Structure formats: structure tokens, C-alpha cells
């Protein structure tokens, strides 16, 4: 059910949807530039970005550190 390609697709669609809703121009709302975002609306976006990028990178670095392969 949850394959890697499905999860990646959901993350990309989720970020795009979040960005379009936060910007406001999708449904004819007043446009808000990214420098106007702040507080609670920016925190989940940054958290999910860090989880999406940082967790796989941390695991990869940890596995490479313990590896016996010469680099």
C-alpha cells in the first residue's frame, strides 16, 4: 500500500498544495509573499522539510560511518 513512489508523490503534492494555499493566489485570495509568512503557519512547513530531507540524510550518513567500505 505505502510504496516509496507513492510517499514521494504525496510529499510533493502536499508541499505544492501548502505553498499554493499559503500564497493565496490559487482561489483569488489576497496574495501573500513568502516574507509575510511567519509563526504557526511556517513552523509545520519547516518541520516537514527537515524531516523529509534530514532523516534520510542522517540515516545514510550513519550507515556510511559504520561501513567497512573504503572511500
PDB file of N, CA and C in Angstrom:
ATOM      1  N   UNK A   1       0.822  -1.197   0.000  1.00  0.00           N
ATOM      2  CA  UNK A   1       0.000   0.000   0.000  1.00  0.00           C
ATOM      3  C   UNK A   1       0.867   1.264   0.000  1.00  0.00           C
ATOM      4  N   UNK A   2       1.784   1.387   0.948  1.00  0.00           N
ATOM      5  CA  UNK A   2       2.629   2.573   1.016  1.00  0.00           C
ATOM      6  C   UNK A   2       3.977   2.254   0.388  1.00  0.00           C
ATOM      7  N   UNK A   3       4.104   2.575  -0.880  1.00  0.00           N
ATOM      8  CA  UNK A   3       5.376   2.391  -1.561  1.00  0.00           C
ATOM      9  C   UNK A   3       6.155   3.704  -1.542  1.00  0.00           C
ATOM     10  N   UNK A   4       7.432   3.604  -1.849  1.00  0.00           N
ATOM     11  CA  UNK A   4       8.277   4.805  -1.826  1.00  0.00           C
ATOM     12  C   UNK A   4       7.807   5.833  -2.842  1.00  0.00           C
ATOM     13  N   UNK A   5       7.419   5.372  -4.011  1.00  0.00           N
ATOM     14  CA  UNK A   5       6.981   6.333  -5.035  1.00  0.00           C
ATOM     15  C   UNK A   5       5.686   7.031  -4.635  1.00  0.00           C
ATOM     16  N   UNK A   6       4.800   6.320  -3.959  1.00  0.00           N
ATOM     17  CA  UNK A   6       3.554   6.942  -3.506  1.00  0.00           C
ATOM     18  C   UNK A   6       3.814   7.980  -2.416  1.00  0.00           C
ATOM     19  N   UNK A   7       4.721   7.666  -1.506  1.00  0.00           N
ATOM     20  CA  UNK A   7       5.033   8.600  -0.426  1.00  0.00           C
ATOM     21  C   UNK A   7       5.696   9.859  -0.982  1.00  0.00           C
ATOM     22  N   UNK A   8       6.633   9.686  -1.914  1.00  0.00           N
ATOM     23  CA  UNK A   8       7.303  10.842  -2.520  1.00  0.00           C
ATOM     24  C   UNK A   8       6.288  11.702  -3.269  1.00  0.00           C
ATOM     25  N   UNK A   9       5.393  11.057  -3.997  1.00  0.00           N
ATOM     26  CA  UNK A   9       4.357  11.799  -4.719  1.00  0.00           C
ATOM     27  C   UNK A   9       3.470  12.580  -3.761  1.00  0.00           C
ATOM     28  N   UNK A  10       3.069  11.953  -2.665  1.00  0.00           N
ATOM     29  CA  UNK A  10       2.232  12.640  -1.676  1.00  0.00           C
ATOM     30  C   UNK A  10       2.962  13.813  -1.043  1.00  0.00           C
ATOM     31  N   UNK A  11       4.248  13.678  -0.754  1.00  0.00           N
ATOM     32  CA  UNK A  11       5.022  14.778  -0.185  1.00  0.00           C
ATOM     33  C   UNK A  11       5.086  15.947  -1.160  1.00  0.00           C
ATOM     34  N   UNK A  12       5.358  15.648  -2.423  1.00  0.00           N
ATOM     35  CA  UNK A  12       5.472  16.724  -3.417  1.00  0.00           C
ATOM     36  C   UNK A  12       4.138  17.423  -3.605  1.00  0.00           C
ATOM     37  N   UNK A  13       3.070  16.643  -3.731  1.00  0.00           N
ATOM     38  CA  UNK A  13       1.735  17.232  -3.886  1.00  0.00           C
ATOM     39  C   UNK A  13       1.359  18.024  -2.637  1.00  0.00           C
ATOM     40  N   UNK A  14       1.704  17.511  -1.461  1.00  0.00           N
ATOM     41  CA  UNK A  14       1.399  18.207  -0.217  1.00  0.00           C
ATOM     42  C   UNK A  14       2.120  19.540  -0.102  1.00  0.00           C
ATOM     43  N   UNK A  15       3.414  19.563  -0.436  1.00  0.00           N
ATOM     44  CA  UNK A  15       4.165  20.816  -0.388  1.00  0.00           C
ATOM     45  C   UNK A  15       3.635  21.828  -1.394  1.00  0.00           C
ATOM     46  N   UNK A  16       3.310  21.341  -2.596  1.00  0.00           N
ATOM     47  CA  UNK A  16       2.776  22.253  -3.617  1.00  0.00           C
ATOM     48  C   UNK A  16       1.432  22.820  -3.181  1.00  0.00           C
ATOM     49  N   UNK A  17       0.574  21.978  -2.624  1.00  0.00           N
ATOM     50  CA  UNK A  17      -0.731  22.444  -2.147  1.00  0.00           C
ATOM     51  C   UNK A  17      -0.572  23.439  -1.012  1.00  0.00           C
ATOM     52  N   UNK A  18       0.308  23.130  -0.069  1.00  0.00           N
ATOM     53  CA  UNK A  18       0.545  24.036   1.055  1.00  0.00           C
ATOM     54  C   UNK A  18       1.045  25.385   0.559  1.00  0.00           C
ATOM     55  N   UNK A  19       1.991  25.357  -0.374  1.00  0.00           N
ATOM     56  CA  UNK A  19       2.546  26.604  -0.897  1.00  0.00           C
ATOM     57  C   UNK A  19       1.466  27.421  -1.602  1.00  0.00           C
ATOM     58  N   UNK A  20       0.671  26.773  -2.447  1.00  0.00           N
ATOM     59  CA  UNK A  20      -0.362  27.498  -3.182  1.00  0.00           C
ATOM     60  C   UNK A  20      -1.432  28.065  -2.242  1.00  0.00           C
ATOM     61  N   UNK A  21      -1.795  27.311  -1.219  1.00  0.00           N
ATOM     62  CA  UNK A  21      -2.785  27.818  -0.252  1.00  0.00           C
ATOM     63  C   UNK A  21      -2.212  28.953   0.595  1.00  0.00           C
ATOM     64  N   UNK A  22      -0.943  28.840   0.980  1.00  0.00           N
ATOM     65  CA  UNK A  22      -0.335  29.898   1.786  1.00  0.00           C
ATOM     66  C   UNK A  22      -0.122  31.167   0.974  1.00  0.00           C
ATOM     67  N   UNK A  23       0.211  31.006  -0.293  1.00  0.00           N
ATOM     68  CA  UNK A  23       0.417  32.179  -1.137  1.00  0.00           C
ATOM     69  C   UNK A  23      -0.893  32.923  -1.359  1.00  0.00           C
ATOM     70  N   UNK A  24      -1.972  32.194  -1.498  1.00  0.00           N
ATOM     71  CA  UNK A  24      -3.281  32.821  -1.583  1.00  0.00           C
ATOM     72  C   UNK A  24      -3.784  33.116  -2.968  1.00  0.00           C
ATOM     73  N   UNK A  25      -2.956  33.008  -3.978  1.00  0.00           N
ATOM     74  CA  UNK A  25      -3.399  33.383  -5.318  1.00  0.00           C
ATOM     75  C   UNK A  25      -4.188  32.285  -6.015  1.00  0.00           C
ATOM     76  N   UNK A  26      -4.259  31.095  -5.429  1.00  0.00           N
ATOM     77  CA  UNK A  26      -4.936  29.972  -6.069  1.00  0.00           C
ATOM     78  C   UNK A  26      -6.440  30.208  -6.184  1.00  0.00           C
ATOM     79  N   UNK A  27      -7.072  30.652  -5.141  1.00  0.00           N
ATOM     80  CA  UNK A  27      -8.522  30.838  -5.128  1.00  0.00           C
ATOM     81  C   UNK A  27      -8.924  32.307  -5.179  1.00  0.00           C
ATOM     82  N   UNK A  28      -8.039  33.153  -5.620  1.00  0.00           N
ATOM     83  CA  UNK A  28      -8.358  34.566  -5.745  1.00  0.00           C
ATOM     84  C   UNK A  28      -8.253  35.349  -4.449  1.00  0.00           C
ATOM     85  N   UNK A  29      -7.601  34.778  -3.441  1.00  0.00           N
ATOM     86  CA  UNK A  29      -7.387  35.496  -2.196  1.00  0.00           C
ATOM     87  C   UNK A  29      -6.309  36.546  -2.398  1.00  0.00           C
ATOM     88  N   UNK A  30      -6.123  37.375  -1.394  1.00  0.00           N
ATOM     89  CA  UNK A  30      -5.055  38.363  -1.450  1.00  0.00           C
ATOM     90  C   UNK A  30      -3.717  37.632  -1.415  1.00  0.00           C
ATOM     91  N   UNK A  31      -2.818  37.995  -2.316  1.00  0.00           N
ATOM     92  CA  UNK A  31      -1.537  37.305  -2.416  1.00  0.00           C
ATOM     93  C   UNK A  31      -0.635  37.692  -1.254  1.00  0.00           C
ATOM     94  N   UNK A  32      -0.035  36.685  -0.626  1.00  0.00           N
ATOM     95  CA  UNK A  32       0.898  36.880   0.482  1.00  0.00           C
ATOM     96  C   UNK A  32       2.250  36.352   0.032  1.00  0.00           C
ATOM     97  N   UNK A  33       3.236  37.207  -0.015  1.00  0.00           N
ATOM     98  CA  UNK A  33       4.576  36.773  -0.408  1.00  0.00           C
ATOM     99  C   UNK A  33       5.206  35.975   0.729  1.00  0.00           C
ATOM    100  N   UNK A  34       6.255  35.212   0.412  1.00  0.00           N
ATOM    101  CA  UNK A  34       6.859  34.327   1.408  1.00  0.00           C
ATOM    102  C   UNK A  34       7.475  35.081   2.577  1.00  0.00           C
ATOM    103  N   UNK A  35       7.862  36.332   2.401  1.00  0.00           N
ATOM    104  CA  UNK A  35       8.412  37.074   3.538  1.00  0.00           C
ATOM    105  C   UNK A  35       7.316  37.484   4.523  1.00  0.00           C
ATOM    106  N   UNK A  36       6.060  37.357   4.142  1.00  0.00           N
ATOM    107  CA  UNK A  36       4.945  37.641   5.046  1.00  0.00           C
ATOM    108  C   UNK A  36       4.486  36.432   5.847  1.00  0.00           C
ATOM    109  N   UNK A  37       5.031  35.249   5.539  1.00  0.00           N
ATOM    110  CA  UNK A  37       4.678  34.057   6.304  1.00  0.00           C
ATOM    111  C   UNK A  37       5.419  34.118   7.632  1.00  0.00           C
ATOM    112  N   UNK A  38       4.849  33.564   8.646  1.00  0.00           N
ATOM    113  CA  UNK A  38       5.543  33.538   9.921  1.00  0.00           C
ATOM    114  C   UNK A  38       4.757  32.794  10.966  1.00  0.00           C
ATOM    115  N   UNK A  39       5.396  32.543  12.072  1.00  0.00           N
ATOM    116  CA  UNK A  39       4.729  31.933  13.202  1.00  0.00           C
ATOM    117  C   UNK A  39       4.252  30.521  12.943  1.00  0.00           C
ATOM    118  N   UNK A  40       3.018  30.288  13.313  1.00  0.00           N
ATOM    119  CA  UNK A  40       2.463  28.937  13.267  1.00  0.00           C
ATOM    120  C   UNK A  40       2.361  28.388  11.852  1.00  0.00           C
ATOM    121  N   UNK A  41       2.122  29.223  10.877  1.00  0.00           N
ATOM    122  CA  UNK A  41       1.995  28.722   9.502  1.00  0.00           C
ATOM    123  C   UNK A  41       3.325  28.258   8.930  1.00  0.00           C
ATOM    124  N   UNK A  42       4.422  28.843   9.356  1.00  0.00           N
ATOM    125  CA  UNK A  42       5.731  28.485   8.832  1.00  0.00           C
ATOM    126  C   UNK A  42       6.340  27.295   9.563  1.00  0.00           C
ATOM    127  N   UNK A  43       5.992  27.089  10.819  1.00  0.00           N
ATOM    128  CA  UNK A  43       6.581  26.026  11.620  1.00  0.00           C
ATOM    129  C   UNK A  43       6.318  24.631  11.047  1.00  0.00           C
ATOM    130  N   UNK A  44       5.081  24.237  10.707  1.00  0.00           N
ATOM    131  CA  UNK A  44       4.889  22.894  10.138  1.00  0.00           C
ATOM    132  C   UNK A  44       5.590  22.710   8.801  1.00  0.00           C
ATOM    133  N   UNK A  45       5.673  23.764   8.004  1.00  0.00           N
ATOM    134  CA  UNK A  45       6.355  23.680   6.714  1.00  0.00           C
ATOM    135  C   UNK A  45       7.837  23.397   6.921  1.00  0.00           C
ATOM    136  N   UNK A  46       8.471  24.117   7.822  1.00  0.00           N
ATOM    137  CA  UNK A  46       9.893  23.890   8.087  1.00  0.00           C
ATOM    138  C   UNK A  46      10.132  22.532   8.731  1.00  0.00           C
ATOM    139  N   UNK A  47       9.264  22.134   9.656  1.00  0.00           N
ATOM    140  CA  UNK A  47       9.414  20.839  10.315  1.00  0.00           C
ATOM    141  C   UNK A  47       9.332  19.700   9.307  1.00  0.00           C
ATOM    142  N   UNK A  48       8.337  19.742   8.446  1.00  0.00           N
ATOM    143  CA  UNK A  48       8.190  18.658   7.476  1.00  0.00           C
ATOM    144  C   UNK A  48       9.332  18.661   6.461  1.00  0.00           C
ATOM    145  N   UNK A  49       9.859  19.821   6.135  1.00  0.00           N
ATOM    146  CA  UNK A  49      11.016  19.887   5.233  1.00  0.00           C
ATOM    147  C   UNK A  49      12.239  19.242   5.875  1.00  0.00           C
ATOM    148  N   UNK A  50      12.456  19.531   7.132  1.00  0.00           N
ATOM    149  CA  UNK A  50      13.597  18.954   7.840  1.00  0.00           C
ATOM    150  C   UNK A  50      13.443  17.443   7.958  1.00  0.00           C
ATOM    151  N   UNK A  51      12.251  16.974   8.260  1.00  0.00           N
ATOM    152  CA  UNK A  51      12.023  15.533   8.366  1.00  0.00           C
ATOM    153  C   UNK A  51      12.228  14.870   7.012  1.00  0.00           C
ATOM    154  N   UNK A  52      11.716  15.488   5.965  1.00  0.00           N
ATOM    155  CA  UNK A  52      11.822  14.904   4.627  1.00  0.00           C
ATOM    156  C   UNK A  52      13.263  14.832   4.148  1.00  0.00           C
ATOM    157  N   UNK A  53      14.057  15.842   4.436  1.00  0.00           N
ATOM    158  CA  UNK A  53      15.432  15.883   3.947  1.00  0.00           C
ATOM    159  C   UNK A  53      16.415  15.327   4.983  1.00  0.00           C
ATOM    160  N   UNK A  54      16.235  15.697   6.236  1.00  0.00           N
ATOM    161  CA  UNK A  54      17.214  15.371   7.260  1.00  0.00           C
ATOM    162  C   UNK A  54      17.232  13.931   7.725  1.00  0.00           C
ATOM    163  N   UNK A  55      16.069  13.321   7.841  1.00  0.00           N
ATOM    164  CA  UNK A  55      16.043  11.951   8.345  1.00  0.00           C
ATOM    165  C   UNK A  55      16.720  10.967   7.391  1.00  0.00           C
ATOM    166  N   UNK A  56      16.386  10.951   6.102  1.00  0.00           N
ATOM    167  CA  UNK A  56      17.109  10.034   5.212  1.00  0.00           C
ATOM    168  C   UNK A  56      18.602  10.352   5.113  1.00  0.00           C
ATOM    169  N   UNK A  57      18.937  11.638   5.134  1.00  0.00           N
ATOM    170  CA  UNK A  57      20.337  12.006   5.061  1.00  0.00           C
ATOM    171  C   UNK A  57      21.088  11.552   6.318  1.00  0.00           C
ATOM    172  N   UNK A  58      20.475  11.689   7.482  1.00  0.00           N
ATOM    173  CA  UNK A  58      21.094  11.239   8.724  1.00  0.00           C
ATOM    174  C   UNK A  58      21.288   9.737   8.764  1.00  0.00           C
ATOM    175  N   UNK A  59      20.285   9.015   8.281  1.00  0.00           N
ATOM    176  CA  UNK A  59      20.425   7.559   8.237  1.00  0.00           C
ATOM    177  C   UNK A  59      21.536   7.147   7.284  1.00  0.00           C
ATOM    178  N   UNK A  60      21.583   7.788   6.130  1.00  0.00           N
ATOM    179  CA  UNK A  60      22.634   7.465   5.172  1.00  0.00           C
ATOM    180  C   UNK A  60      24.020   7.757   5.719  1.00  0.00           C
ATOM    181  N   UNK A  61      24.171   8.893   6.378  1.00  0.00           N
ATOM    182  CA  UNK A  61      25.473   9.238   6.964  1.00  0.00           C
ATOM    183  C   UNK A  61      25.850   8.276   8.081  1.00  0.00           C
ATOM    184  N   UNK A  62      24.871   7.862   8.884  1.00  0.00           N
ATOM    185  CA  UNK A  62      25.157   6.908   9.955  1.00  0.00           C
ATOM    186  C   UNK A  62      25.579   5.556   9.390  1.00  0.00           C
ATOM    187  N   UNK A  63      24.909   5.116   8.329  1.00  0.00           N
ATOM    188  CA  UNK A  63      25.304   3.851   7.714  1.00  0.00           C
ATOM    189  C   UNK A  63      26.663   3.944   7.053  1.00  0.00           C
ATOM    190  N   UNK A  64      26.958   5.069   6.433  1.00  0.00           N
ATOM    191  CA  UNK A  64      28.272   5.235   5.807  1.00  0.00           C
ATOM    192  C   UNK A  64      29.375   5.293   6.853  1.00  0.00           C
ATOM    193  N   UNK A  65      29.078   5.833   8.004  1.00  0.00           N
ATOM    194  CA  UNK A  65      30.082   5.935   9.071  1.00  0.00           C
ATOM    195  C   UNK A  65      30.458   4.554   9.594  1.00  0.00           C
ATOM    196  N   UNK A  66      29.471   3.665   9.696  1.00  0.00           N
ATOM    197  CA  UNK A  66      29.697   2.325  10.222  1.00  0.00           C
ATOM    198  C   UNK A  66      30.166   1.331   9.160  1.00  0.00           C
ATOM    199  N   UNK A  67      30.220   1.764   7.915  1.00  0.00           N
ATOM    200  CA  UNK A  67      30.554   0.875   6.817  1.00  0.00           C
ATOM    201  C   UNK A  67      32.047   0.516   6.827  1.00  0.00           C
ATOM    202  N   UNK A  68      32.327  -0.677   6.320  1.00  0.00           N
ATOM    203  CA  UNK A  68      33.711  -1.145   6.198  1.00  0.00           C
ATOM    204  C   UNK A  68      34.304  -0.801   4.827  1.00  0.00           C
ATOM    205  N   UNK A  69      33.500  -0.203   3.951  1.00  0.00           N
ATOM    206  CA  UNK A  69      33.963   0.079   2.589  1.00  0.00           C
ATOM    207  C   UNK A  69      34.924   1.263   2.588  1.00  0.00           C
ATOM    208  N   UNK A  70      36.000   1.182   1.812  1.00  0.00           N
ATOM    209  CA  UNK A  70      36.923   2.329   1.712  1.00  0.00           C
ATOM    210  C   UNK A  70      36.350   3.389   0.781  1.00  0.00           C
ATOM    211  N   UNK A  71      36.521   4.633   1.129  1.00  0.00           N
ATOM    212  CA  UNK A  71      36.020   5.733   0.292  1.00  0.00           C
ATOM    213  C   UNK A  71      37.183   6.569  -0.158  1.00  0.00           C
TER     214      UNK A  71
END
